[in-house]
Amino acid sequence: DAPALAAGDMGVAMGAAGSDVAINSASVALLNSDLSRLPFLVRLSRATTKVIWQNLIFGVAFIVVTQTMAIWGQLQPIMAAMLHTVATAFVIFNSARLVRFGEDRSDEHAYFEGESPDIGDAHPHHDHAHADTITIGQPAPA
């Protein structure tokens, strides 16, 4: 499966019992066989693309404006450097919004009312060993 998953525009590996090579070759790894998580993945990918464009447009526009002001002498170099740091922080915080994307707030209400929320399947889990791989859901019980 690994060559086919790697060759396609997007490969989806399903189930935690799959081979490590196939899971690492796929663009997306679903840790269980629940295909109902795919619409969430599509929404997450669209939101990610939107945030990337927001960050790119803001970053380039901000740098062009501040550098132009610095060249014309309207902005001290130290102030330009500080503003650049502020712009970087804005981009980081704008991107961080995706961490909570699609979070189901009903879990919070259930928790405060004494019920045990099933948070595991409501959130994406990022495989930090493979930065380009997103895993959705919890691994199937052994």
C-alpha atoms as a PDB file:
ATOM      1  CA  ASP A   1       0.000   0.000   0.000  1.00  0.00           C
ATOM      2  CA  ALA A   2       2.845   2.402   0.772  1.00  0.00           C
ATOM      3  CA  PRO A   3       3.861   3.131  -2.864  1.00  0.00           C
ATOM      4  CA  ALA A   4       0.240   3.809  -3.848  1.00  0.00           C
ATOM      5  CA  LEU A   5      -0.317   6.063  -0.826  1.00  0.00           C
ATOM      6  CA  ALA A   6       2.854   8.025  -1.574  1.00  0.00           C
ATOM      7  CA  ALA A   7       2.151   8.347  -5.312  1.00  0.00           C
ATOM      8  CA  GLY A   8      -1.316   9.880  -5.025  1.00  0.00           C
ATOM      9  CA  ASP A   9      -2.181  13.518  -4.439  1.00  0.00           C
ATOM     10  CA  MET A  10      -3.457  12.471  -1.029  1.00  0.00           C
ATOM     11  CA  GLY A  11      -3.304   9.086   0.653  1.00  0.00           C
ATOM     12  CA  VAL A  12      -5.420   8.000   3.618  1.00  0.00           C
ATOM     13  CA  ALA A  13      -4.205   5.097   5.751  1.00  0.00           C
ATOM     14  CA  MET A  14      -6.878   3.509   7.947  1.00  0.00           C
ATOM     15  CA  GLY A  15      -6.598   1.582  11.188  1.00  0.00           C
ATOM     16  CA  ALA A  16      -3.809   1.496  13.755  1.00  0.00           C
ATOM     17  CA  ALA A  17      -3.089  -2.121  12.807  1.00  0.00           C
ATOM     18  CA  GLY A  18      -1.832  -1.050   9.364  1.00  0.00           C
ATOM     19  CA  SER A  19       1.825  -1.273   8.464  1.00  0.00           C
ATOM     20  CA  ASP A  20       4.073   1.515   9.704  1.00  0.00           C
ATOM     21  CA  VAL A  21       5.377   2.056   6.176  1.00  0.00           C
ATOM     22  CA  ALA A  22       1.843   2.602   4.840  1.00  0.00           C
ATOM     23  CA  ILE A  23       0.911   4.932   7.703  1.00  0.00           C
ATOM     24  CA  ASN A  24       4.106   6.962   7.249  1.00  0.00           C
ATOM     25  CA  SER A  25       3.603   7.143   3.471  1.00  0.00           C
ATOM     26  CA  ALA A  26       0.040   8.431   3.731  1.00  0.00           C
ATOM     27  CA  SER A  27      -0.863  12.118   3.877  1.00  0.00           C
ATOM     28  CA  VAL A  28      -3.474  11.324   6.525  1.00  0.00           C
ATOM     29  CA  ALA A  29      -3.638   8.452   8.993  1.00  0.00           C
ATOM     30  CA  LEU A  30      -6.996   7.537  10.522  1.00  0.00           C
ATOM     31  CA  LEU A  31      -6.199   5.559  13.660  1.00  0.00           C
ATOM     32  CA  ASN A  32      -9.510   3.750  13.485  1.00  0.00           C
ATOM     33  CA  SER A  33     -11.668   2.739  10.553  1.00  0.00           C
ATOM     34  CA  ASP A  34     -14.220   5.509  11.139  1.00  0.00           C
ATOM     35  CA  LEU A  35     -14.667   7.341   7.831  1.00  0.00           C
ATOM     36  CA  SER A  36     -17.043   9.830   9.460  1.00  0.00           C
ATOM     37  CA  ARG A  37     -13.925  11.859  10.464  1.00  0.00           C
ATOM     38  CA  LEU A  38     -13.140  12.680   6.805  1.00  0.00           C
ATOM     39  CA  PRO A  39     -15.545  15.670   6.583  1.00  0.00           C
ATOM     40  CA  PHE A  40     -13.802  17.159   9.634  1.00  0.00           C
ATOM     41  CA  LEU A  41     -10.473  16.634   7.903  1.00  0.00           C
ATOM     42  CA  VAL A  42     -11.707  18.470   4.800  1.00  0.00           C
ATOM     43  CA  ARG A  43     -12.981  21.380   6.942  1.00  0.00           C
ATOM     44  CA  LEU A  44      -9.681  21.475   8.829  1.00  0.00           C
ATOM     45  CA  SER A  45      -7.663  21.513   5.615  1.00  0.00           C
ATOM     46  CA  ARG A  46      -9.770  24.353   4.190  1.00  0.00           C
ATOM     47  CA  ALA A  47      -9.414  26.337   7.421  1.00  0.00           C
ATOM     48  CA  THR A  48      -5.663  25.712   7.370  1.00  0.00           C
ATOM     49  CA  THR A  49      -5.391  26.979   3.799  1.00  0.00           C
ATOM     50  CA  LYS A  50      -7.388  30.083   4.740  1.00  0.00           C
ATOM     51  CA  VAL A  51      -5.104  30.805   7.720  1.00  0.00           C
ATOM     52  CA  ILE A  52      -1.999  30.303   5.569  1.00  0.00           C
ATOM     53  CA  TRP A  53      -3.272  32.894   3.081  1.00  0.00           C
ATOM     54  CA  GLN A  54      -4.216  35.295   5.902  1.00  0.00           C
ATOM     55  CA  ASN A  55      -0.742  34.994   7.402  1.00  0.00           C
ATOM     56  CA  LEU A  56       0.988  35.355   4.045  1.00  0.00           C
ATOM     57  CA  ILE A  57      -0.966  38.440   2.989  1.00  0.00           C
ATOM     58  CA  PHE A  58      -0.674  40.091   6.400  1.00  0.00           C
ATOM     59  CA  GLY A  59       3.033  39.294   6.723  1.00  0.00           C
ATOM     60  CA  VAL A  60       4.011  40.558   3.284  1.00  0.00           C
ATOM     61  CA  ALA A  61       1.847  43.692   3.544  1.00  0.00           C
ATOM     62  CA  PHE A  62       3.148  44.485   7.026  1.00  0.00           C
ATOM     63  CA  ILE A  63       6.788  44.067   5.990  1.00  0.00           C
ATOM     64  CA  VAL A  64       6.332  46.170   2.850  1.00  0.00           C
ATOM     65  CA  VAL A  65       4.685  48.989   4.830  1.00  0.00           C
ATOM     66  CA  THR A  66       7.180  48.992   7.704  1.00  0.00           C
ATOM     67  CA  GLN A  67      10.222  48.667   5.436  1.00  0.00           C
ATOM     68  CA  THR A  68       8.954  51.477   3.222  1.00  0.00           C
ATOM     69  CA  MET A  69       8.437  53.665   6.276  1.00  0.00           C
ATOM     70  CA  ALA A  70      11.935  52.789   7.519  1.00  0.00           C
ATOM     71  CA  ILE A  71      13.494  53.611   4.136  1.00  0.00           C
ATOM     72  CA  TRP A  72      11.748  57.016   4.075  1.00  0.00           C
ATOM     73  CA  GLY A  73      12.940  57.713   7.601  1.00  0.00           C
ATOM     74  CA  GLN A  74       9.449  57.641   9.096  1.00  0.00           C
ATOM     75  CA  LEU A  75      10.288  54.701  11.342  1.00  0.00           C
ATOM     76  CA  GLN A  76      13.332  54.159  13.551  1.00  0.00           C
ATOM     77  CA  PRO A  77      15.132  50.845  12.876  1.00  0.00           C
ATOM     78  CA  ILE A  78      14.578  49.668  16.459  1.00  0.00           C
ATOM     79  CA  MET A  79      10.846  50.399  16.162  1.00  0.00           C
ATOM     80  CA  ALA A  80      10.717  48.520  12.833  1.00  0.00           C
ATOM     81  CA  ALA A  81      12.360  45.529  14.533  1.00  0.00           C
ATOM     82  CA  MET A  82       9.871  45.656  17.409  1.00  0.00           C
ATOM     83  CA  LEU A  83       6.924  45.911  15.013  1.00  0.00           C
ATOM     84  CA  HIS A  84       8.289  42.949  13.075  1.00  0.00           C
ATOM     85  CA  THR A  85       8.272  40.927  16.311  1.00  0.00           C
ATOM     86  CA  VAL A  86       4.674  41.982  16.981  1.00  0.00           C
ATOM     87  CA  ALA A  87       3.698  40.917  13.454  1.00  0.00           C
ATOM     88  CA  THR A  88       5.398  37.555  13.982  1.00  0.00           C
ATOM     89  CA  ALA A  89       3.446  37.058  17.213  1.00  0.00           C
ATOM     90  CA  PHE A  90       0.214  37.900  15.358  1.00  0.00           C
ATOM     91  CA  VAL A  91       0.962  35.236  12.737  1.00  0.00           C
ATOM     92  CA  ILE A  92       1.743  32.663  15.444  1.00  0.00           C
ATOM     93  CA  PHE A  93      -1.452  33.380  17.382  1.00  0.00           C
ATOM     94  CA  ASN A  94      -3.518  33.415  14.194  1.00  0.00           C
ATOM     95  CA  SER A  95      -2.142  29.971  13.332  1.00  0.00           C
ATOM     96  CA  ALA A  96      -2.697  28.691  16.867  1.00  0.00           C
ATOM     97  CA  ARG A  97      -6.441  29.132  16.392  1.00  0.00           C
ATOM     98  CA  LEU A  98      -6.360  25.937  14.325  1.00  0.00           C
ATOM     99  CA  VAL A  99      -5.426  23.879  17.389  1.00  0.00           C
ATOM    100  CA  ARG A 100      -8.973  24.265  18.681  1.00  0.00           C
ATOM    101  CA  PHE A 101     -10.639  24.076  15.262  1.00  0.00           C
ATOM    102  CA  GLY A 102     -13.827  22.027  15.306  1.00  0.00           C
ATOM    103  CA  GLU A 103     -13.801  21.634  19.059  1.00  0.00           C
ATOM    104  CA  ASP A 104     -17.179  20.454  20.270  1.00  0.00           C
ATOM    105  CA  ARG A 105     -18.210  22.770  23.117  1.00  0.00           C
ATOM    106  CA  SER A 106     -20.895  20.324  24.287  1.00  0.00           C
ATOM    107  CA  ASP A 107     -18.056  18.321  25.865  1.00  0.00           C
ATOM    108  CA  GLU A 108     -17.352  21.217  28.233  1.00  0.00           C
ATOM    109  CA  HIS A 109     -20.994  21.429  29.297  1.00  0.00           C
ATOM    110  CA  ALA A 110     -21.175  17.670  29.862  1.00  0.00           C
ATOM    111  CA  TYR A 111     -18.013  17.816  31.981  1.00  0.00           C
ATOM    112  CA  PHE A 112     -19.327  20.556  34.240  1.00  0.00           C
ATOM    113  CA  GLU A 113     -22.601  18.699  34.716  1.00  0.00           C
ATOM    114  CA  GLY A 114     -20.794  15.602  35.987  1.00  0.00           C
ATOM    115  CA  GLU A 115     -20.960  13.513  32.821  1.00  0.00           C
ATOM    116  CA  SER A 116     -17.832  11.977  31.367  1.00  0.00           C
ATOM    117  CA  PRO A 117     -17.163  13.615  28.001  1.00  0.00           C
ATOM    118  CA  ASP A 118     -15.889  11.556  25.085  1.00  0.00           C
ATOM    119  CA  ILE A 119     -13.284  14.031  23.937  1.00  0.00           C
ATOM    120  CA  GLY A 120     -11.040  11.504  22.206  1.00  0.00           C
ATOM    121  CA  ASP A 121     -12.898  11.304  18.913  1.00  0.00           C
ATOM    122  CA  ALA A 122     -13.785  14.998  18.752  1.00  0.00           C
ATOM    123  CA  HIS A 123     -10.275  16.337  18.232  1.00  0.00           C
ATOM    124  CA  PRO A 124      -7.468  15.850  15.746  1.00  0.00           C
ATOM    125  CA  HIS A 125      -4.261  14.353  17.091  1.00  0.00           C
ATOM    126  CA  HIS A 126      -1.077  15.538  15.423  1.00  0.00           C
ATOM    127  CA  ASP A 127       1.741  13.085  14.905  1.00  0.00           C
ATOM    128  CA  HIS A 128       4.702  15.252  15.941  1.00  0.00           C
ATOM    129  CA  ALA A 129       7.232  12.728  14.624  1.00  0.00           C
ATOM    130  CA  HIS A 130       5.875  13.344  11.122  1.00  0.00           C
ATOM    131  CA  ALA A 131       4.987  17.005  10.770  1.00  0.00           C
ATOM    132  CA  ASP A 132       3.207  16.474   7.457  1.00  0.00           C
ATOM    133  CA  THR A 133       0.948  13.696   8.796  1.00  0.00           C
ATOM    134  CA  ILE A 134      -2.316  14.390  10.618  1.00  0.00           C
ATOM    135  CA  THR A 135      -3.967  11.603  12.558  1.00  0.00           C
ATOM    136  CA  ILE A 136      -7.662  11.759  13.387  1.00  0.00           C
ATOM    137  CA  GLY A 137      -9.386   9.920  16.233  1.00  0.00           C
ATOM    138  CA  GLN A 138      -8.101   7.508  18.846  1.00  0.00           C
ATOM    139  CA  PRO A 139      -6.278   4.254  18.164  1.00  0.00           C
ATOM    140  CA  ALA A 140      -8.504   1.199  18.104  1.00  0.00           C
ATOM    141  CA  PRO A 141      -8.377  -0.752  21.382  1.00  0.00           C
ATOM    142  CA  ALA A 142      -6.039  -3.739  21.250  1.00  0.00           C
END
